[in-house]
Amino acid sequence: MSDQPAPKPSRRATAALVLASLSLVLSLVSCGFVAVSGLEDLDDSLQSAPQPASASEVEAFAHVTFPPGTVLLSAAQSNGLETYLSARFRIPRDALDTFLTDGDFAATLTPGLRVVSKQDDVGGGNSWHPETAVRISGLDEETPGPDGTYRRLLADLDREDTVTVFLHASRP
């Protein structure tokens, strides 16, 4: 063995090592960023595109019964990791209490409670505007129904003879 110190690497070798290390760090950081941002879109990619829902599909999924004179204005459903349904319909004003009783909601209608918003519209489009209602009542079930369905409802009470109902239901 020799007592002489090891030769120093050249400046060119040191520069190449620093650049290679920097390149590796940047590659790992960018891969991590892509992986994390990809996870945020995972939920959306596992959901089906919204499909129109019929009155009977709304009743079956949301466990409600439409009273006579109900007009279904819009309804859409999306399936995937969770199933989402939104429906907007008009019912006679005097049928609201019966609708709520027949739906066996686990929460009561609370004046001024705004629990449904534009973001709850599964189908998109231009016909879902719960924020425009002035006199409202809402209900938000904190516990799911027997099959795991959560329901939120906003009743637009601006008209004297009818109530426009915005209903959002979801099931994991």
C-alpha atoms as a PDB file:
ATOM      1  CA  MET A   1       0.000   0.000   0.000  1.00  0.00           C
ATOM      2  CA  SER A   2       1.125   3.455  -0.789  1.00  0.00           C
ATOM      3  CA  ASP A   3       1.105   6.368   1.647  1.00  0.00           C
ATOM      4  CA  GLN A   4       0.351   8.837  -1.096  1.00  0.00           C
ATOM      5  CA  PRO A   5      -3.099  10.510  -1.132  1.00  0.00           C
ATOM      6  CA  ALA A   6      -5.560   9.536  -3.857  1.00  0.00           C
ATOM      7  CA  PRO A   7      -5.497  11.820  -6.864  1.00  0.00           C
ATOM      8  CA  LYS A   8      -8.184  14.570  -6.979  1.00  0.00           C
ATOM      9  CA  PRO A   9     -10.833  14.180  -9.662  1.00  0.00           C
ATOM     10  CA  SER A  10     -10.629  16.640 -12.493  1.00  0.00           C
ATOM     11  CA  ARG A  11     -12.930  19.645 -12.660  1.00  0.00           C
ATOM     12  CA  ARG A  12     -14.600  18.163 -15.705  1.00  0.00           C
ATOM     13  CA  ALA A  13     -15.428  14.926 -13.819  1.00  0.00           C
ATOM     14  CA  THR A  14     -16.762  16.905 -10.842  1.00  0.00           C
ATOM     15  CA  ALA A  15     -18.966  19.058 -13.108  1.00  0.00           C
ATOM     16  CA  ALA A  16     -20.330  15.955 -14.845  1.00  0.00           C
ATOM     17  CA  LEU A  17     -21.147  14.340 -11.489  1.00  0.00           C
ATOM     18  CA  VAL A  18     -22.938  17.486 -10.252  1.00  0.00           C
ATOM     19  CA  LEU A  19     -24.994  17.778 -13.469  1.00  0.00           C
ATOM     20  CA  ALA A  20     -25.924  14.090 -13.364  1.00  0.00           C
ATOM     21  CA  SER A  21     -27.017  14.403  -9.711  1.00  0.00           C
ATOM     22  CA  LEU A  22     -29.036  17.523 -10.458  1.00  0.00           C
ATOM     23  CA  SER A  23     -30.698  15.809 -13.420  1.00  0.00           C
ATOM     24  CA  LEU A  24     -31.621  12.818 -11.256  1.00  0.00           C
ATOM     25  CA  VAL A  25     -33.133  15.030  -8.544  1.00  0.00           C
ATOM     26  CA  LEU A  26     -35.190  17.024 -11.079  1.00  0.00           C
ATOM     27  CA  SER A  27     -36.428  13.809 -12.719  1.00  0.00           C
ATOM     28  CA  LEU A  28     -37.534  12.368  -9.389  1.00  0.00           C
ATOM     29  CA  VAL A  29     -39.289  15.588  -8.407  1.00  0.00           C
ATOM     30  CA  SER A  30     -41.161  15.795 -11.723  1.00  0.00           C
ATOM     31  CA  CYS A  31     -42.178  12.114 -11.514  1.00  0.00           C
ATOM     32  CA  GLY A  32     -43.533  12.704  -8.019  1.00  0.00           C
ATOM     33  CA  PHE A  33     -45.477  15.756  -9.194  1.00  0.00           C
ATOM     34  CA  VAL A  34     -47.020  13.828 -12.101  1.00  0.00           C
ATOM     35  CA  ALA A  35     -47.972  10.949  -9.800  1.00  0.00           C
ATOM     36  CA  VAL A  36     -49.632  13.240  -7.245  1.00  0.00           C
ATOM     37  CA  SER A  37     -51.505  15.280  -9.853  1.00  0.00           C
ATOM     38  CA  GLY A  38     -52.629  12.052 -11.508  1.00  0.00           C
ATOM     39  CA  LEU A  39     -54.186  10.884  -8.233  1.00  0.00           C
ATOM     40  CA  GLU A  40     -56.394  13.966  -8.115  1.00  0.00           C
ATOM     41  CA  ASP A  41     -57.921  13.037 -11.472  1.00  0.00           C
ATOM     42  CA  LEU A  42     -58.337   9.375 -10.541  1.00  0.00           C
ATOM     43  CA  ASP A  43     -61.837   9.900  -9.116  1.00  0.00           C
ATOM     44  CA  ASP A  44     -63.020  11.636 -12.283  1.00  0.00           C
ATOM     45  CA  SER A  45     -61.593   8.979 -14.570  1.00  0.00           C
ATOM     46  CA  LEU A  46     -63.460   6.256 -12.680  1.00  0.00           C
ATOM     47  CA  GLN A  47     -66.836   8.018 -12.980  1.00  0.00           C
ATOM     48  CA  SER A  48     -69.048   7.488 -15.988  1.00  0.00           C
ATOM     49  CA  ALA A  49     -70.187  10.446 -18.024  1.00  0.00           C
ATOM     50  CA  PRO A  50     -73.496  11.827 -16.722  1.00  0.00           C
ATOM     51  CA  GLN A  51     -76.557  10.187 -18.237  1.00  0.00           C
ATOM     52  CA  PRO A  52     -80.126  11.487 -18.180  1.00  0.00           C
ATOM     53  CA  ALA A  53     -82.279   9.861 -15.503  1.00  0.00           C
ATOM     54  CA  SER A  54     -86.000   9.199 -15.764  1.00  0.00           C
ATOM     55  CA  ALA A  55     -88.558   9.970 -13.070  1.00  0.00           C
ATOM     56  CA  SER A  56     -88.719   6.307 -12.081  1.00  0.00           C
ATOM     57  CA  GLU A  57     -84.906   6.146 -11.815  1.00  0.00           C
ATOM     58  CA  VAL A  58     -84.911   9.218  -9.559  1.00  0.00           C
ATOM     59  CA  GLU A  59     -87.606   7.685  -7.369  1.00  0.00           C
ATOM     60  CA  ALA A  60     -85.791   4.335  -7.131  1.00  0.00           C
ATOM     61  CA  PHE A  61     -82.322   5.729  -6.428  1.00  0.00           C
ATOM     62  CA  ALA A  62     -83.307   8.583  -4.089  1.00  0.00           C
ATOM     63  CA  HIS A  63     -86.099   6.611  -2.355  1.00  0.00           C
ATOM     64  CA  VAL A  64     -88.758   9.234  -2.987  1.00  0.00           C
ATOM     65  CA  THR A  65     -92.252   9.115  -4.435  1.00  0.00           C
ATOM     66  CA  PHE A  66     -93.326  11.906  -6.749  1.00  0.00           C
ATOM     67  CA  PRO A  67     -96.791  13.216  -5.896  1.00  0.00           C
ATOM     68  CA  PRO A  68     -99.406  13.639  -8.634  1.00  0.00           C
ATOM     69  CA  GLY A  69     -98.729  16.755 -10.693  1.00  0.00           C
ATOM     70  CA  THR A  70     -94.925  16.482 -10.448  1.00  0.00           C
ATOM     71  CA  VAL A  71     -93.009  17.888 -13.404  1.00  0.00           C
ATOM     72  CA  LEU A  72     -89.473  16.506 -13.787  1.00  0.00           C
ATOM     73  CA  LEU A  73     -87.414  19.423 -15.103  1.00  0.00           C
ATOM     74  CA  SER A  74     -83.976  17.757 -15.250  1.00  0.00           C
ATOM     75  CA  ALA A  75     -82.246  14.695 -13.846  1.00  0.00           C
ATOM     76  CA  ALA A  76     -78.862  13.050 -14.394  1.00  0.00           C
ATOM     77  CA  GLN A  77     -76.875  10.205 -12.902  1.00  0.00           C
ATOM     78  CA  SER A  78     -73.188   9.234 -12.915  1.00  0.00           C
ATOM     79  CA  ASN A  79     -71.795   5.863 -11.825  1.00  0.00           C
ATOM     80  CA  GLY A  80     -68.313   4.871 -10.692  1.00  0.00           C
ATOM     81  CA  LEU A  81     -66.640   4.656  -7.306  1.00  0.00           C
ATOM     82  CA  GLU A  82     -69.733   6.471  -6.073  1.00  0.00           C
ATOM     83  CA  THR A  83     -73.077   6.955  -7.749  1.00  0.00           C
ATOM     84  CA  TYR A  84     -74.392  10.516  -7.938  1.00  0.00           C
ATOM     85  CA  LEU A  85     -77.837  11.711  -8.940  1.00  0.00           C
ATOM     86  CA  SER A  86     -79.234  15.203  -9.206  1.00  0.00           C
ATOM     87  CA  ALA A  87     -82.815  16.060 -10.022  1.00  0.00           C
ATOM     88  CA  ARG A  88     -84.788  19.265 -10.332  1.00  0.00           C
ATOM     89  CA  PHE A  89     -88.566  18.970 -10.302  1.00  0.00           C
ATOM     90  CA  ARG A  90     -91.657  20.990  -9.539  1.00  0.00           C
ATOM     91  CA  ILE A  91     -94.421  19.741  -7.257  1.00  0.00           C
ATOM     92  CA  PRO A  92     -97.682  21.324  -6.091  1.00  0.00           C
ATOM     93  CA  ARG A  93     -97.113  23.431  -2.971  1.00  0.00           C
ATOM     94  CA  ASP A  94     -99.696  21.498  -0.973  1.00  0.00           C
ATOM     95  CA  ALA A  95     -97.908  18.192  -1.774  1.00  0.00           C
ATOM     96  CA  LEU A  96     -94.565  19.136  -0.169  1.00  0.00           C
ATOM     97  CA  ASP A  97     -95.342  17.706   3.280  1.00  0.00           C
ATOM     98  CA  THR A  98     -96.599  14.439   1.778  1.00  0.00           C
ATOM     99  CA  PHE A  99     -93.512  14.211  -0.445  1.00  0.00           C
ATOM    100  CA  LEU A 100     -91.228  14.597   2.588  1.00  0.00           C
ATOM    101  CA  THR A 101     -93.219  12.124   4.698  1.00  0.00           C
ATOM    102  CA  ASP A 102     -93.347   9.511   1.933  1.00  0.00           C
ATOM    103  CA  GLY A 103     -89.589   9.955   1.345  1.00  0.00           C
ATOM    104  CA  ASP A 104     -88.928   9.072   4.988  1.00  0.00           C
ATOM    105  CA  PHE A 105     -86.142  11.655   5.232  1.00  0.00           C
ATOM    106  CA  ALA A 106     -83.895  11.371   8.288  1.00  0.00           C
ATOM    107  CA  ALA A 107     -83.687  15.161   8.595  1.00  0.00           C
ATOM    108  CA  THR A 108     -86.298  17.883   8.784  1.00  0.00           C
ATOM    109  CA  LEU A 109     -86.793  20.752   6.382  1.00  0.00           C
ATOM    110  CA  THR A 110     -85.029  23.804   7.837  1.00  0.00           C
ATOM    111  CA  PRO A 111     -85.968  27.324   6.680  1.00  0.00           C
ATOM    112  CA  GLY A 112     -83.014  29.207   5.165  1.00  0.00           C
ATOM    113  CA  LEU A 113     -80.764  26.126   4.917  1.00  0.00           C
ATOM    114  CA  ARG A 114     -79.012  26.148   1.517  1.00  0.00           C
ATOM    115  CA  VAL A 115     -77.494  22.649   1.168  1.00  0.00           C
ATOM    116  CA  VAL A 116     -77.573  22.268  -2.611  1.00  0.00           C
ATOM    117  CA  SER A 117     -75.502  24.418  -4.956  1.00  0.00           C
ATOM    118  CA  LYS A 118     -74.563  24.657  -8.634  1.00  0.00           C
ATOM    119  CA  GLN A 119     -71.695  22.196  -8.010  1.00  0.00           C
ATOM    120  CA  ASP A 120     -74.224  19.478  -7.110  1.00  0.00           C
ATOM    121  CA  ASP A 121     -75.600  19.376 -10.654  1.00  0.00           C
ATOM    122  CA  VAL A 122     -74.449  15.991 -11.974  1.00  0.00           C
ATOM    123  CA  GLY A 123     -75.527  16.647 -15.550  1.00  0.00           C
ATOM    124  CA  GLY A 124     -74.204  20.159 -16.005  1.00  0.00           C
ATOM    125  CA  GLY A 125     -76.074  22.450 -18.324  1.00  0.00           C
ATOM    126  CA  ASN A 126     -77.859  25.736 -17.806  1.00  0.00           C
ATOM    127  CA  SER A 127     -81.041  24.727 -15.993  1.00  0.00           C
ATOM    128  CA  TRP A 128     -79.689  24.104 -12.482  1.00  0.00           C
ATOM    129  CA  HIS A 129     -79.591  27.357 -10.487  1.00  0.00           C
ATOM    130  CA  PRO A 130     -80.527  26.796  -6.837  1.00  0.00           C
ATOM    131  CA  GLU A 131     -78.623  29.951  -5.892  1.00  0.00           C
ATOM    132  CA  THR A 132     -81.315  32.128  -7.508  1.00  0.00           C
ATOM    133  CA  ALA A 133     -84.027  31.028  -5.060  1.00  0.00           C
ATOM    134  CA  VAL A 134     -84.776  33.618  -2.389  1.00  0.00           C
ATOM    135  CA  ARG A 135     -87.200  31.883  -0.022  1.00  0.00           C
ATOM    136  CA  ILE A 136     -85.740  28.462   0.638  1.00  0.00           C
ATOM    137  CA  SER A 137     -85.747  25.530   3.014  1.00  0.00           C
ATOM    138  CA  GLY A 138     -83.316  22.650   2.961  1.00  0.00           C
ATOM    139  CA  LEU A 139     -82.523  19.322   4.507  1.00  0.00           C
ATOM    140  CA  ASP A 140     -79.281  17.407   4.738  1.00  0.00           C
ATOM    141  CA  GLU A 141     -79.283  13.796   5.902  1.00  0.00           C
ATOM    142  CA  GLU A 142     -76.226  13.258   8.095  1.00  0.00           C
ATOM    143  CA  THR A 143     -76.747   9.507   8.141  1.00  0.00           C
ATOM    144  CA  PRO A 144     -77.349   7.395   5.047  1.00  0.00           C
ATOM    145  CA  GLY A 145     -80.515   5.463   4.342  1.00  0.00           C
ATOM    146  CA  PRO A 146     -80.697   1.678   4.574  1.00  0.00           C
ATOM    147  CA  ASP A 147     -78.762   1.109   1.336  1.00  0.00           C
ATOM    148  CA  GLY A 148     -76.171   3.822   2.051  1.00  0.00           C
ATOM    149  CA  THR A 149     -77.833   6.632   0.091  1.00  0.00           C
ATOM    150  CA  TYR A 150     -77.198  10.179   1.296  1.00  0.00           C
ATOM    151  CA  ARG A 151     -79.755  12.822   0.278  1.00  0.00           C
ATOM    152  CA  ARG A 152     -79.736  16.615   0.299  1.00  0.00           C
ATOM    153  CA  LEU A 153     -82.669  18.713  -0.768  1.00  0.00           C
ATOM    154  CA  LEU A 154     -83.342  22.390  -1.363  1.00  0.00           C
ATOM    155  CA  ALA A 155     -86.926  23.598  -1.704  1.00  0.00           C
ATOM    156  CA  ASP A 156     -87.372  26.825  -3.675  1.00  0.00           C
ATOM    157  CA  LEU A 157     -90.460  28.407  -2.107  1.00  0.00           C
ATOM    158  CA  ASP A 158     -90.545  31.566  -4.236  1.00  0.00           C
ATOM    159  CA  ARG A 159     -93.814  30.608  -5.993  1.00  0.00           C
ATOM    160  CA  GLU A 160     -97.128  30.465  -4.148  1.00  0.00           C
ATOM    161  CA  ASP A 161     -98.630  27.421  -5.908  1.00  0.00           C
ATOM    162  CA  THR A 162     -95.589  25.220  -6.636  1.00  0.00           C
ATOM    163  CA  VAL A 163     -92.263  24.257  -5.088  1.00  0.00           C
ATOM    164  CA  THR A 164     -89.157  23.669  -7.184  1.00  0.00           C
ATOM    165  CA  VAL A 165     -87.094  20.950  -5.540  1.00  0.00           C
ATOM    166  CA  PHE A 166     -83.361  20.483  -6.096  1.00  0.00           C
ATOM    167  CA  LEU A 167     -82.403  16.975  -4.961  1.00  0.00           C
ATOM    168  CA  HIS A 168     -78.888  15.526  -4.756  1.00  0.00           C
ATOM    169  CA  ALA A 169     -78.352  11.893  -3.792  1.00  0.00           C
ATOM    170  CA  SER A 170     -75.165   9.835  -3.571  1.00  0.00           C
ATOM    171  CA  ARG A 171     -74.201   6.311  -2.687  1.00  0.00           C
ATOM    172  CA  PRO A 172     -70.675   4.958  -2.118  1.00  0.00           C
END
